[in-house]
């Protein structure tokens, strides 16, 4: 499986069979230019949307091809990929502030990858059981609109993924009032900075204990 961080919460996932998945595509230049990542013009077979409320996660029209767009509750199989969507919230008040969020659990190349969307709270026991133990977790860490460094660390402890890839944090391309990735990395020892936007992962390369893999945005 190849994982490329496009920027913000958007990734391009590609399986060994060539199925291409774009997660949470954003509108380039949204929020008065605060979201400065470049346009997503890649082709995909599947597009996942964790929530429909905000244009930094649901701008599907920019993705090329004729992708199947999947959002909302339920489990299905698309292009041979099993996709489960676990109901969570965009805040820590049951959705009263920012609404619902869906964690996407995808089975790719014999591994479980979970994109946490705009998760705004630590998980309940029921949600932990429903999600399972991810091999790879794409996790927001910037705070303000999602879990911040402390809560993201708690979610990591709850799910015990083999690999965590941080997302949705402040970068030169993102002017949101959120924290940089360094706040999440502080005090953590098992950190790998790739120095690029892409990483390839297979079941045999998974670490025994949780490793944080930091990517650079492609756009």
N, C-alpha and C. Protein backbone atom coordinates (compact mmCIF):
# COMPACT_ATOMS: atom_id res chain seq x y z
N UNK A 1 0.84 -1.18 0.00
CA UNK A 1 0.00 0.00 0.00
C UNK A 1 0.89 1.24 0.00
N UNK A 2 0.53 2.18 -0.88
CA UNK A 2 1.25 3.44 -0.94
C UNK A 2 0.35 4.53 -0.36
N UNK A 3 0.92 5.35 0.52
CA UNK A 3 0.18 6.43 1.16
C UNK A 3 0.88 7.75 0.84
N UNK A 4 0.15 8.66 0.23
CA UNK A 4 0.69 10.00 -0.04
C UNK A 4 -0.19 11.03 0.65
N UNK A 5 0.45 11.88 1.48
CA UNK A 5 -0.29 12.96 2.12
C UNK A 5 -0.36 14.13 1.15
N UNK A 6 -1.57 14.44 0.69
CA UNK A 6 -1.75 15.57 -0.21
C UNK A 6 -1.73 16.88 0.57
N UNK A 7 -2.32 16.86 1.76
CA UNK A 7 -2.36 18.03 2.63
C UNK A 7 -3.62 18.00 3.48
N UNK A 8 -3.55 18.62 4.66
CA UNK A 8 -4.68 18.70 5.58
C UNK A 8 -5.13 17.29 5.96
N UNK A 9 -6.36 16.89 5.63
CA UNK A 9 -6.81 15.52 5.91
C UNK A 9 -6.93 14.69 4.64
N UNK A 10 -6.38 15.19 3.55
CA UNK A 10 -6.48 14.51 2.26
C UNK A 10 -5.25 13.66 2.00
N UNK A 11 -5.51 12.39 1.68
CA UNK A 11 -4.46 11.44 1.31
C UNK A 11 -4.85 10.76 0.01
N UNK A 12 -3.85 10.32 -0.71
CA UNK A 12 -4.05 9.40 -1.83
C UNK A 12 -3.51 8.04 -1.40
N UNK A 13 -4.40 7.06 -1.34
CA UNK A 13 -4.04 5.69 -0.98
C UNK A 13 -4.09 4.85 -2.25
N UNK A 14 -3.08 4.03 -2.47
CA UNK A 14 -3.06 3.17 -3.65
C UNK A 14 -2.68 1.76 -3.24
N UNK A 15 -3.55 0.80 -3.59
CA UNK A 15 -3.29 -0.59 -3.25
C UNK A 15 -2.34 -1.21 -4.27
N UNK A 16 -1.86 -2.40 -3.95
CA UNK A 16 -0.95 -3.09 -4.87
C UNK A 16 -1.64 -3.46 -6.17
N UNK A 17 -2.99 -3.52 -6.16
CA UNK A 17 -3.76 -3.81 -7.36
C UNK A 17 -4.14 -2.55 -8.13
N UNK A 18 -3.69 -1.40 -7.64
CA UNK A 18 -3.90 -0.16 -8.37
C UNK A 18 -5.18 0.59 -8.06
N UNK A 19 -5.92 0.18 -7.02
CA UNK A 19 -7.12 0.93 -6.62
C UNK A 19 -6.67 2.19 -5.91
N UNK A 20 -7.21 3.32 -6.34
CA UNK A 20 -6.80 4.63 -5.83
C UNK A 20 -7.94 5.26 -5.03
N UNK A 21 -7.61 5.70 -3.81
CA UNK A 21 -8.60 6.26 -2.89
C UNK A 21 -8.11 7.63 -2.44
N UNK A 22 -8.97 8.63 -2.55
CA UNK A 22 -8.68 9.95 -2.00
C UNK A 22 -9.57 10.16 -0.78
N UNK A 23 -8.96 10.59 0.32
CA UNK A 23 -9.71 10.84 1.56
C UNK A 23 -9.92 12.33 1.76
N UNK A 24 -11.10 12.69 2.22
CA UNK A 24 -11.42 14.06 2.66
C UNK A 24 -10.80 15.15 1.78
N UNK A 25 -11.18 15.22 0.50
CA UNK A 25 -10.60 16.25 -0.37
C UNK A 25 -11.06 17.65 0.06
N UNK A 26 -10.15 18.60 0.00
CA UNK A 26 -10.41 19.97 0.44
C UNK A 26 -10.56 20.89 -0.77
N UNK A 27 -11.15 22.06 -0.52
CA UNK A 27 -11.20 23.11 -1.53
C UNK A 27 -9.98 24.00 -1.36
N UNK A 28 -9.10 24.00 -2.33
CA UNK A 28 -7.91 24.83 -2.26
C UNK A 28 -8.30 26.31 -2.19
N UNK A 29 -7.71 27.03 -1.23
CA UNK A 29 -8.00 28.44 -1.07
C UNK A 29 -9.23 28.75 -0.24
N UNK A 30 -9.84 27.72 0.35
CA UNK A 30 -11.04 27.93 1.16
C UNK A 30 -10.73 28.75 2.40
N UNK A 31 -11.79 29.23 3.02
CA UNK A 31 -11.69 30.04 4.24
C UNK A 31 -10.81 31.27 4.04
N UNK A 32 -11.12 31.98 2.96
CA UNK A 32 -10.41 33.23 2.68
C UNK A 32 -8.94 33.05 2.40
N UNK A 33 -8.58 31.87 1.88
CA UNK A 33 -7.19 31.58 1.56
C UNK A 33 -6.41 30.94 2.68
N UNK A 34 -7.06 30.72 3.84
CA UNK A 34 -6.35 30.10 4.96
C UNK A 34 -5.91 28.68 4.64
N UNK A 35 -6.67 28.00 3.77
CA UNK A 35 -6.29 26.65 3.36
C UNK A 35 -5.53 26.77 2.04
N UNK A 36 -4.22 26.86 2.15
CA UNK A 36 -3.40 27.18 1.00
C UNK A 36 -2.80 26.01 0.26
N UNK A 37 -3.18 24.80 0.60
CA UNK A 37 -2.69 23.64 -0.16
C UNK A 37 -3.19 23.74 -1.60
N UNK A 38 -2.40 23.21 -2.54
CA UNK A 38 -2.77 23.27 -3.95
C UNK A 38 -3.96 22.40 -4.28
N UNK A 39 -4.58 22.63 -5.44
CA UNK A 39 -5.76 21.86 -5.85
C UNK A 39 -5.46 20.37 -5.98
N UNK A 40 -6.44 19.57 -5.61
CA UNK A 40 -6.34 18.12 -5.78
C UNK A 40 -6.90 17.78 -7.16
N UNK A 41 -6.03 17.39 -8.08
CA UNK A 41 -6.50 17.07 -9.43
C UNK A 41 -6.12 15.66 -9.84
N UNK A 42 -5.92 14.81 -8.85
CA UNK A 42 -5.54 13.43 -9.12
C UNK A 42 -6.76 12.58 -9.44
N UNK A 43 -6.53 11.45 -10.10
CA UNK A 43 -7.60 10.50 -10.39
C UNK A 43 -7.78 9.54 -9.24
N UNK A 44 -9.03 9.17 -8.99
CA UNK A 44 -9.30 8.19 -7.93
C UNK A 44 -10.47 7.29 -8.33
N UNK A 45 -10.49 6.11 -7.73
CA UNK A 45 -11.60 5.17 -7.91
C UNK A 45 -12.64 5.34 -6.80
N UNK A 46 -12.18 5.77 -5.62
CA UNK A 46 -13.03 5.95 -4.45
C UNK A 46 -12.65 7.26 -3.78
N UNK A 47 -13.65 7.98 -3.28
CA UNK A 47 -13.42 9.16 -2.46
C UNK A 47 -14.18 8.98 -1.15
N UNK A 48 -13.49 9.15 -0.03
CA UNK A 48 -14.15 9.05 1.27
C UNK A 48 -14.31 10.45 1.86
N UNK A 49 -15.47 10.67 2.50
CA UNK A 49 -15.79 11.97 3.10
C UNK A 49 -16.22 11.73 4.54
N UNK A 50 -15.44 12.22 5.49
CA UNK A 50 -15.73 11.96 6.90
C UNK A 50 -16.92 12.76 7.41
N UNK A 51 -17.18 13.90 6.80
CA UNK A 51 -18.35 14.70 7.15
C UNK A 51 -18.60 15.71 6.04
N UNK A 52 -19.87 16.10 5.90
CA UNK A 52 -20.27 16.95 4.79
C UNK A 52 -20.32 18.43 5.16
N UNK A 53 -20.05 18.78 6.42
CA UNK A 53 -20.31 20.14 6.88
C UNK A 53 -19.29 21.16 6.40
N UNK A 54 -18.08 20.74 6.07
CA UNK A 54 -17.00 21.72 5.86
C UNK A 54 -16.23 21.44 4.57
N UNK A 55 -15.95 22.54 3.84
CA UNK A 55 -15.33 22.39 2.53
C UNK A 55 -13.86 22.02 2.57
N UNK A 56 -13.29 21.91 3.76
CA UNK A 56 -11.92 21.40 3.82
C UNK A 56 -11.90 19.87 3.95
N UNK A 57 -13.08 19.25 3.77
CA UNK A 57 -13.15 17.78 3.84
C UNK A 57 -14.08 17.16 2.80
N UNK A 58 -14.87 17.94 2.09
CA UNK A 58 -15.91 17.35 1.24
C UNK A 58 -15.92 17.87 -0.19
N UNK A 59 -14.79 18.42 -0.64
CA UNK A 59 -14.76 19.04 -1.97
C UNK A 59 -14.44 17.98 -3.02
N UNK A 60 -15.43 17.14 -3.29
CA UNK A 60 -15.21 15.97 -4.15
C UNK A 60 -15.10 16.30 -5.63
N UNK A 61 -15.60 17.46 -6.05
CA UNK A 61 -15.64 17.78 -7.47
C UNK A 61 -14.26 17.97 -8.08
N UNK A 62 -13.27 18.18 -7.26
CA UNK A 62 -11.91 18.40 -7.77
C UNK A 62 -11.20 17.10 -8.14
N UNK A 63 -11.71 15.95 -7.68
CA UNK A 63 -11.06 14.66 -7.93
C UNK A 63 -11.42 14.17 -9.33
N UNK A 64 -10.43 13.75 -10.09
CA UNK A 64 -10.65 13.34 -11.47
C UNK A 64 -11.08 11.88 -11.56
N UNK A 65 -11.61 11.52 -12.74
CA UNK A 65 -12.15 10.18 -12.95
C UNK A 65 -13.63 10.17 -12.60
N UNK A 66 -14.15 8.99 -12.37
CA UNK A 66 -15.55 8.84 -11.96
C UNK A 66 -15.59 8.04 -10.66
N UNK A 67 -15.04 8.63 -9.58
CA UNK A 67 -14.93 7.88 -8.33
C UNK A 67 -16.27 7.63 -7.66
N UNK A 68 -16.34 6.53 -6.93
CA UNK A 68 -17.47 6.27 -6.04
C UNK A 68 -17.23 7.09 -4.77
N UNK A 69 -18.20 7.92 -4.41
CA UNK A 69 -18.08 8.76 -3.22
C UNK A 69 -18.82 8.08 -2.08
N UNK A 70 -18.12 7.88 -0.97
CA UNK A 70 -18.72 7.17 0.15
C UNK A 70 -18.65 8.02 1.41
N UNK A 71 -19.78 8.11 2.11
CA UNK A 71 -19.88 8.88 3.34
C UNK A 71 -21.05 8.36 4.15
N UNK A 72 -21.21 8.84 5.37
CA UNK A 72 -22.34 8.41 6.20
C UNK A 72 -22.13 7.05 6.82
N UNK A 73 -23.12 6.56 7.58
CA UNK A 73 -22.96 5.32 8.33
C UNK A 73 -23.00 4.08 7.44
N UNK A 74 -22.50 2.97 7.98
CA UNK A 74 -22.66 1.69 7.30
C UNK A 74 -21.36 1.04 6.91
N UNK A 75 -21.48 -0.13 6.31
CA UNK A 75 -20.35 -0.91 5.82
C UNK A 75 -20.69 -1.40 4.43
N UNK A 76 -19.76 -1.28 3.52
CA UNK A 76 -19.98 -1.83 2.18
C UNK A 76 -18.63 -2.17 1.55
N UNK A 77 -18.69 -2.73 0.36
CA UNK A 77 -17.49 -3.07 -0.39
C UNK A 77 -17.53 -2.31 -1.71
N UNK A 78 -16.49 -1.53 -1.97
CA UNK A 78 -16.41 -0.71 -3.17
C UNK A 78 -15.10 -1.03 -3.88
N UNK A 79 -15.20 -1.41 -5.16
CA UNK A 79 -14.01 -1.74 -5.94
C UNK A 79 -13.18 -2.83 -5.25
N UNK A 80 -13.85 -3.73 -4.55
CA UNK A 80 -13.17 -4.81 -3.85
C UNK A 80 -12.59 -4.41 -2.50
N UNK A 81 -12.81 -3.16 -2.07
CA UNK A 81 -12.29 -2.66 -0.80
C UNK A 81 -13.42 -2.64 0.22
N UNK A 82 -13.23 -3.35 1.35
CA UNK A 82 -14.22 -3.31 2.43
C UNK A 82 -14.05 -2.02 3.22
N UNK A 83 -15.16 -1.27 3.35
CA UNK A 83 -15.13 0.03 4.01
C UNK A 83 -16.18 0.06 5.11
N UNK A 84 -15.74 0.32 6.33
CA UNK A 84 -16.66 0.49 7.46
C UNK A 84 -16.54 1.91 7.97
N UNK A 85 -17.70 2.54 8.26
CA UNK A 85 -17.72 3.91 8.72
C UNK A 85 -18.30 3.92 10.15
N UNK A 86 -17.47 4.34 11.09
CA UNK A 86 -17.83 4.32 12.50
C UNK A 86 -18.25 5.73 12.93
N UNK A 87 -19.43 5.82 13.50
CA UNK A 87 -20.00 7.11 13.88
C UNK A 87 -19.29 7.71 15.09
N UNK A 88 -18.80 8.93 14.94
CA UNK A 88 -18.19 9.69 16.03
C UNK A 88 -18.68 11.13 15.90
N UNK A 89 -18.01 12.05 16.58
CA UNK A 89 -18.43 13.45 16.53
C UNK A 89 -17.24 14.37 16.25
N UNK A 90 -17.58 15.55 15.74
CA UNK A 90 -16.60 16.57 15.36
C UNK A 90 -16.21 17.44 16.56
N UNK A 91 -16.77 17.14 17.72
CA UNK A 91 -16.48 17.92 18.92
C UNK A 91 -16.63 16.98 20.12
N UNK A 92 -16.44 17.52 21.31
CA UNK A 92 -16.55 16.69 22.52
C UNK A 92 -17.87 16.91 23.24
N UNK A 93 -18.87 17.43 22.51
CA UNK A 93 -20.19 17.65 23.11
C UNK A 93 -21.29 16.95 22.32
N UNK A 94 -20.96 15.77 21.81
CA UNK A 94 -21.96 14.96 21.09
C UNK A 94 -22.44 15.56 19.80
N UNK A 95 -21.62 16.39 19.17
CA UNK A 95 -21.98 16.98 17.89
C UNK A 95 -22.72 18.29 17.97
N UNK A 96 -22.94 18.81 19.16
CA UNK A 96 -23.72 20.05 19.31
C UNK A 96 -23.01 21.26 18.71
N UNK A 97 -21.68 21.23 18.68
CA UNK A 97 -20.92 22.37 18.16
C UNK A 97 -20.63 22.24 16.67
N UNK A 98 -20.16 21.07 16.24
CA UNK A 98 -19.72 20.94 14.85
C UNK A 98 -20.28 19.72 14.13
N UNK A 99 -21.18 18.98 14.75
CA UNK A 99 -21.85 17.91 14.04
C UNK A 99 -21.16 16.56 14.12
N UNK A 100 -21.51 15.71 13.18
CA UNK A 100 -21.05 14.32 13.18
C UNK A 100 -19.74 14.16 12.42
N UNK A 101 -19.10 13.03 12.67
CA UNK A 101 -17.88 12.65 11.98
C UNK A 101 -17.88 11.13 11.85
N UNK A 102 -17.32 10.65 10.74
CA UNK A 102 -17.23 9.20 10.55
C UNK A 102 -15.77 8.79 10.39
N UNK A 103 -15.37 7.84 11.20
CA UNK A 103 -14.05 7.22 11.07
C UNK A 103 -14.15 6.17 9.97
N UNK A 104 -13.28 6.26 8.97
CA UNK A 104 -13.28 5.31 7.87
C UNK A 104 -12.27 4.20 8.14
N UNK A 105 -12.74 2.97 8.16
CA UNK A 105 -11.90 1.79 8.36
C UNK A 105 -11.86 1.01 7.06
N UNK A 106 -10.71 0.95 6.42
CA UNK A 106 -10.57 0.32 5.12
C UNK A 106 -9.59 -0.85 5.21
N UNK A 107 -9.95 -1.96 4.59
CA UNK A 107 -9.05 -3.10 4.52
C UNK A 107 -8.31 -3.04 3.20
N UNK A 108 -6.99 -2.77 3.29
CA UNK A 108 -6.17 -2.56 2.12
C UNK A 108 -4.94 -3.44 2.19
N UNK A 109 -4.76 -4.30 1.19
CA UNK A 109 -3.57 -5.14 1.10
C UNK A 109 -3.30 -5.92 2.38
N UNK A 110 -4.36 -6.45 2.98
CA UNK A 110 -4.21 -7.26 4.18
C UNK A 110 -3.99 -6.48 5.45
N UNK A 111 -4.20 -5.15 5.41
CA UNK A 111 -4.02 -4.29 6.58
C UNK A 111 -5.27 -3.46 6.81
N UNK A 112 -5.46 -3.04 8.06
CA UNK A 112 -6.57 -2.17 8.41
C UNK A 112 -6.05 -0.75 8.53
N UNK A 113 -6.54 0.13 7.67
CA UNK A 113 -6.20 1.54 7.73
C UNK A 113 -7.42 2.32 8.19
N UNK A 114 -7.24 3.19 9.18
CA UNK A 114 -8.35 3.99 9.70
C UNK A 114 -8.03 5.47 9.54
N UNK A 115 -8.88 6.17 8.80
CA UNK A 115 -8.80 7.62 8.66
C UNK A 115 -9.80 8.20 9.65
N UNK A 116 -9.29 8.98 10.60
CA UNK A 116 -10.12 9.41 11.73
C UNK A 116 -10.94 10.66 11.43
N UNK A 117 -10.79 11.24 10.23
CA UNK A 117 -11.58 12.41 9.87
C UNK A 117 -11.32 13.56 10.81
N UNK A 118 -12.38 14.31 11.12
CA UNK A 118 -12.27 15.44 12.05
C UNK A 118 -12.71 15.01 13.45
N UNK A 119 -12.14 13.94 13.93
CA UNK A 119 -12.50 13.44 15.26
C UNK A 119 -12.26 14.53 16.30
N UNK A 120 -13.28 14.74 17.16
CA UNK A 120 -13.19 15.81 18.14
C UNK A 120 -13.18 15.37 19.58
N UNK A 121 -12.97 14.09 19.83
CA UNK A 121 -13.05 13.58 21.21
C UNK A 121 -12.29 12.27 21.33
N UNK A 122 -11.97 11.90 22.57
CA UNK A 122 -11.43 10.56 22.79
C UNK A 122 -12.57 9.57 22.61
N UNK A 123 -12.24 8.31 22.40
CA UNK A 123 -13.23 7.32 21.99
C UNK A 123 -13.89 6.63 23.17
N UNK A 124 -15.14 6.23 22.95
CA UNK A 124 -15.85 5.41 23.93
C UNK A 124 -15.41 3.96 23.77
N UNK A 125 -15.75 3.13 24.75
CA UNK A 125 -15.42 1.71 24.66
C UNK A 125 -16.09 1.07 23.44
N UNK A 126 -17.32 1.48 23.16
CA UNK A 126 -18.04 0.92 22.01
C UNK A 126 -17.35 1.31 20.71
N UNK A 127 -16.91 2.55 20.60
CA UNK A 127 -16.21 2.99 19.39
C UNK A 127 -14.88 2.28 19.22
N UNK A 128 -14.17 2.07 20.31
CA UNK A 128 -12.90 1.34 20.26
C UNK A 128 -13.13 -0.07 19.72
N UNK A 129 -14.17 -0.72 20.23
CA UNK A 129 -14.48 -2.09 19.79
C UNK A 129 -14.89 -2.10 18.32
N UNK A 130 -15.64 -1.09 17.90
CA UNK A 130 -16.13 -1.04 16.52
C UNK A 130 -15.00 -0.78 15.54
N UNK A 131 -14.06 0.06 15.92
CA UNK A 131 -12.93 0.38 15.04
C UNK A 131 -11.93 -0.78 14.99
N UNK A 132 -11.62 -1.35 16.13
CA UNK A 132 -10.61 -2.41 16.17
C UNK A 132 -9.22 -1.81 16.29
N UNK A 133 -8.21 -2.63 16.07
CA UNK A 133 -6.81 -2.16 16.16
C UNK A 133 -6.27 -1.89 14.76
N UNK A 134 -6.07 -0.63 14.41
CA UNK A 134 -5.58 -0.31 13.08
C UNK A 134 -4.11 -0.70 12.90
N UNK A 135 -3.78 -1.13 11.70
CA UNK A 135 -2.37 -1.22 11.35
C UNK A 135 -1.82 0.17 11.06
N UNK A 136 -2.64 0.99 10.42
CA UNK A 136 -2.26 2.37 10.10
C UNK A 136 -3.41 3.29 10.50
N UNK A 137 -3.11 4.34 11.23
CA UNK A 137 -4.12 5.32 11.62
C UNK A 137 -3.70 6.70 11.15
N UNK A 138 -4.58 7.37 10.41
CA UNK A 138 -4.39 8.74 9.96
C UNK A 138 -5.15 9.62 10.93
N UNK A 139 -4.44 10.42 11.73
CA UNK A 139 -5.00 11.02 12.94
C UNK A 139 -4.84 12.53 12.97
N UNK A 140 -5.92 13.30 13.16
CA UNK A 140 -5.76 14.74 13.34
C UNK A 140 -5.12 15.03 14.69
N UNK A 141 -4.24 16.03 14.72
CA UNK A 141 -3.51 16.32 15.97
C UNK A 141 -3.46 17.80 16.30
N UNK A 142 -4.06 18.66 15.46
CA UNK A 142 -3.86 20.09 15.59
C UNK A 142 -4.71 20.81 16.61
N UNK A 143 -5.82 20.18 17.05
CA UNK A 143 -6.66 20.82 18.04
C UNK A 143 -7.57 21.88 17.45
N UNK A 144 -8.26 22.61 18.31
CA UNK A 144 -9.24 23.66 18.00
C UNK A 144 -10.48 23.08 17.33
N UNK A 145 -10.33 22.49 16.15
CA UNK A 145 -11.46 21.92 15.42
C UNK A 145 -11.51 20.39 15.53
N UNK A 146 -10.46 19.81 16.06
CA UNK A 146 -10.36 18.35 16.20
C UNK A 146 -9.67 18.07 17.54
N UNK A 147 -9.40 16.81 17.79
CA UNK A 147 -8.55 16.50 18.94
C UNK A 147 -7.20 17.19 18.78
N UNK A 148 -6.66 17.64 19.91
CA UNK A 148 -5.34 18.25 19.90
C UNK A 148 -4.28 17.25 20.31
N UNK A 149 -3.07 17.70 20.55
CA UNK A 149 -1.97 16.78 20.86
C UNK A 149 -2.26 15.83 22.02
N UNK A 150 -2.83 16.33 23.10
CA UNK A 150 -3.07 15.49 24.27
C UNK A 150 -4.15 14.44 23.98
N UNK A 151 -5.27 14.88 23.39
CA UNK A 151 -6.34 13.93 23.08
C UNK A 151 -5.92 12.94 22.00
N UNK A 152 -5.16 13.42 21.02
CA UNK A 152 -4.67 12.53 19.96
C UNK A 152 -3.77 11.44 20.55
N UNK A 153 -2.97 11.81 21.54
CA UNK A 153 -2.13 10.81 22.21
C UNK A 153 -2.99 9.79 22.94
N UNK A 154 -4.08 10.26 23.54
CA UNK A 154 -4.98 9.33 24.23
C UNK A 154 -5.65 8.38 23.24
N UNK A 155 -6.08 8.90 22.09
CA UNK A 155 -6.68 8.05 21.07
C UNK A 155 -5.68 7.01 20.58
N UNK A 156 -4.43 7.42 20.44
CA UNK A 156 -3.38 6.47 20.05
C UNK A 156 -3.24 5.37 21.09
N UNK A 157 -3.26 5.74 22.36
CA UNK A 157 -3.17 4.74 23.43
C UNK A 157 -4.41 3.83 23.43
N UNK A 158 -5.56 4.39 23.09
CA UNK A 158 -6.79 3.60 23.08
C UNK A 158 -6.77 2.52 21.98
N UNK A 159 -6.31 2.88 20.79
CA UNK A 159 -6.40 1.98 19.64
C UNK A 159 -5.12 1.18 19.39
N UNK A 160 -4.00 1.68 19.89
CA UNK A 160 -2.71 0.99 19.75
C UNK A 160 -2.39 0.59 18.30
N UNK A 161 -2.45 1.54 17.38
CA UNK A 161 -2.11 1.23 15.99
C UNK A 161 -0.62 0.92 15.85
N UNK A 162 -0.28 0.24 14.76
CA UNK A 162 1.13 -0.04 14.52
C UNK A 162 1.84 1.22 13.99
N UNK A 163 1.12 1.98 13.15
CA UNK A 163 1.67 3.21 12.59
C UNK A 163 0.65 4.32 12.73
N UNK A 164 1.09 5.49 13.17
CA UNK A 164 0.26 6.70 13.21
C UNK A 164 0.86 7.71 12.25
N UNK A 165 0.03 8.24 11.36
CA UNK A 165 0.45 9.32 10.48
C UNK A 165 -0.35 10.56 10.87
N UNK A 166 0.28 11.58 11.45
CA UNK A 166 -0.45 12.78 11.85
C UNK A 166 -0.95 13.57 10.64
N UNK A 167 -2.07 14.26 10.83
CA UNK A 167 -2.64 15.12 9.79
C UNK A 167 -3.38 16.27 10.47
N UNK A 168 -3.91 17.18 9.66
CA UNK A 168 -4.77 18.26 10.15
C UNK A 168 -4.07 19.06 11.25
N UNK A 169 -2.87 19.53 10.91
CA UNK A 169 -2.12 20.39 11.82
C UNK A 169 -1.56 21.58 11.03
N UNK A 170 -1.07 22.57 11.74
CA UNK A 170 -0.60 23.80 11.11
C UNK A 170 0.68 23.56 10.33
N UNK A 171 0.69 24.05 9.10
CA UNK A 171 1.87 24.01 8.23
C UNK A 171 1.95 25.38 7.54
N UNK A 172 3.02 25.64 6.78
CA UNK A 172 3.06 26.91 6.04
C UNK A 172 1.89 27.08 5.07
N UNK A 173 1.28 25.97 4.64
CA UNK A 173 0.15 26.06 3.72
C UNK A 173 -1.20 26.15 4.44
N UNK A 174 -1.20 26.01 5.74
CA UNK A 174 -2.45 26.00 6.50
C UNK A 174 -2.41 27.11 7.55
N UNK A 175 -3.27 28.12 7.37
CA UNK A 175 -3.31 29.24 8.28
C UNK A 175 -4.32 29.12 9.39
N UNK A 176 -4.89 27.94 9.58
CA UNK A 176 -5.87 27.75 10.65
C UNK A 176 -5.20 27.95 12.01
N UNK A 177 -5.96 28.36 13.01
CA UNK A 177 -5.40 28.54 14.36
C UNK A 177 -5.29 27.21 15.10
N UNK A 178 -4.42 26.36 14.59
CA UNK A 178 -4.22 25.03 15.18
C UNK A 178 -2.73 24.84 15.44
N UNK A 179 -2.39 23.76 16.13
CA UNK A 179 -1.00 23.56 16.53
C UNK A 179 -0.20 22.82 15.46
N UNK A 180 1.11 22.99 15.50
CA UNK A 180 2.01 22.29 14.61
C UNK A 180 2.21 20.86 15.09
N UNK A 181 2.75 20.02 14.22
CA UNK A 181 2.90 18.61 14.55
C UNK A 181 3.85 18.39 15.72
N UNK A 182 4.79 19.31 15.93
CA UNK A 182 5.75 19.17 17.01
C UNK A 182 5.11 19.06 18.38
N UNK A 183 3.95 19.68 18.55
CA UNK A 183 3.26 19.59 19.84
C UNK A 183 2.82 18.16 20.12
N UNK A 184 2.41 17.43 19.08
CA UNK A 184 2.01 16.03 19.23
C UNK A 184 3.23 15.13 19.43
N UNK A 185 4.33 15.47 18.78
CA UNK A 185 5.53 14.63 18.84
C UNK A 185 6.31 14.79 20.15
N UNK A 186 6.05 15.85 20.88
CA UNK A 186 6.82 16.15 22.08
C UNK A 186 6.78 14.99 23.07
N UNK A 187 7.96 14.52 23.48
CA UNK A 187 8.06 13.45 24.45
C UNK A 187 7.98 12.06 23.87
N UNK A 188 7.69 11.95 22.58
CA UNK A 188 7.58 10.63 21.94
C UNK A 188 8.92 10.26 21.31
N UNK A 189 9.29 9.01 21.43
CA UNK A 189 10.62 8.58 21.01
C UNK A 189 10.61 7.80 19.69
N UNK A 190 9.52 7.12 19.39
CA UNK A 190 9.49 6.30 18.18
C UNK A 190 8.84 7.09 17.04
N UNK A 191 9.64 7.98 16.45
CA UNK A 191 9.16 8.90 15.42
C UNK A 191 10.05 8.77 14.19
N UNK A 192 9.42 8.64 13.03
CA UNK A 192 10.16 8.55 11.77
C UNK A 192 9.71 9.69 10.87
N UNK A 193 10.63 10.58 10.52
CA UNK A 193 10.34 11.67 9.60
C UNK A 193 10.82 11.25 8.21
N UNK A 194 9.87 11.06 7.31
CA UNK A 194 10.16 10.49 6.00
C UNK A 194 10.94 11.47 5.13
N UNK A 195 10.67 12.78 5.27
CA UNK A 195 11.32 13.76 4.42
C UNK A 195 10.68 13.89 3.06
N UNK A 196 9.46 13.40 2.93
CA UNK A 196 8.71 13.49 1.68
C UNK A 196 7.25 13.24 1.97
N UNK A 197 6.45 13.16 0.91
CA UNK A 197 5.00 13.06 1.07
C UNK A 197 4.48 11.63 1.04
N UNK A 198 5.33 10.65 0.70
CA UNK A 198 4.85 9.30 0.42
C UNK A 198 5.59 8.26 1.23
N UNK A 199 4.84 7.24 1.65
CA UNK A 199 5.43 6.10 2.33
C UNK A 199 4.75 4.84 1.80
N UNK A 200 5.49 3.76 1.67
CA UNK A 200 4.93 2.47 1.28
C UNK A 200 4.97 1.54 2.46
N UNK A 201 3.87 0.84 2.70
CA UNK A 201 3.73 -0.03 3.86
C UNK A 201 3.17 -1.37 3.42
N UNK A 202 3.74 -2.44 3.95
CA UNK A 202 3.19 -3.78 3.73
C UNK A 202 3.15 -4.49 5.07
N UNK A 203 2.39 -5.58 5.17
CA UNK A 203 2.25 -6.25 6.47
C UNK A 203 3.57 -6.66 7.11
N UNK A 204 4.54 -7.02 6.29
CA UNK A 204 5.82 -7.48 6.83
C UNK A 204 6.67 -6.33 7.38
N UNK A 205 6.35 -5.10 6.99
CA UNK A 205 7.17 -3.96 7.43
C UNK A 205 6.59 -3.25 8.65
N UNK A 206 5.45 -3.72 9.15
CA UNK A 206 4.81 -3.05 10.28
C UNK A 206 5.65 -3.21 11.55
N UNK A 207 5.82 -2.15 12.31
CA UNK A 207 6.58 -2.24 13.56
C UNK A 207 5.81 -3.02 14.63
N UNK A 208 6.50 -3.53 15.61
CA UNK A 208 5.86 -4.29 16.68
C UNK A 208 5.07 -3.38 17.63
N UNK A 209 5.57 -2.17 17.84
CA UNK A 209 4.89 -1.19 18.70
C UNK A 209 4.67 0.09 17.91
N UNK A 210 3.80 0.94 18.42
CA UNK A 210 3.36 2.11 17.67
C UNK A 210 4.53 3.01 17.26
N UNK A 211 4.57 3.32 15.97
CA UNK A 211 5.55 4.24 15.42
C UNK A 211 4.81 5.40 14.76
N UNK A 212 5.29 6.62 14.97
CA UNK A 212 4.70 7.79 14.33
C UNK A 212 5.50 8.10 13.08
N UNK A 213 4.82 8.18 11.95
CA UNK A 213 5.45 8.47 10.68
C UNK A 213 4.98 9.84 10.21
N UNK A 214 5.91 10.78 10.09
CA UNK A 214 5.58 12.16 9.73
C UNK A 214 5.90 12.36 8.25
N UNK A 215 4.86 12.78 7.51
CA UNK A 215 5.01 13.06 6.08
C UNK A 215 5.00 14.57 5.85
N UNK A 216 5.45 14.98 4.67
CA UNK A 216 5.36 16.36 4.24
C UNK A 216 4.25 16.46 3.19
N UNK A 217 3.46 17.52 3.20
CA UNK A 217 2.36 17.61 2.23
C UNK A 217 2.87 17.69 0.80
N UNK A 218 2.17 17.00 -0.11
CA UNK A 218 2.57 16.99 -1.51
C UNK A 218 2.14 18.26 -2.23
N UNK A 219 1.07 18.90 -1.72
CA UNK A 219 0.50 20.05 -2.42
C UNK A 219 0.61 21.33 -1.60
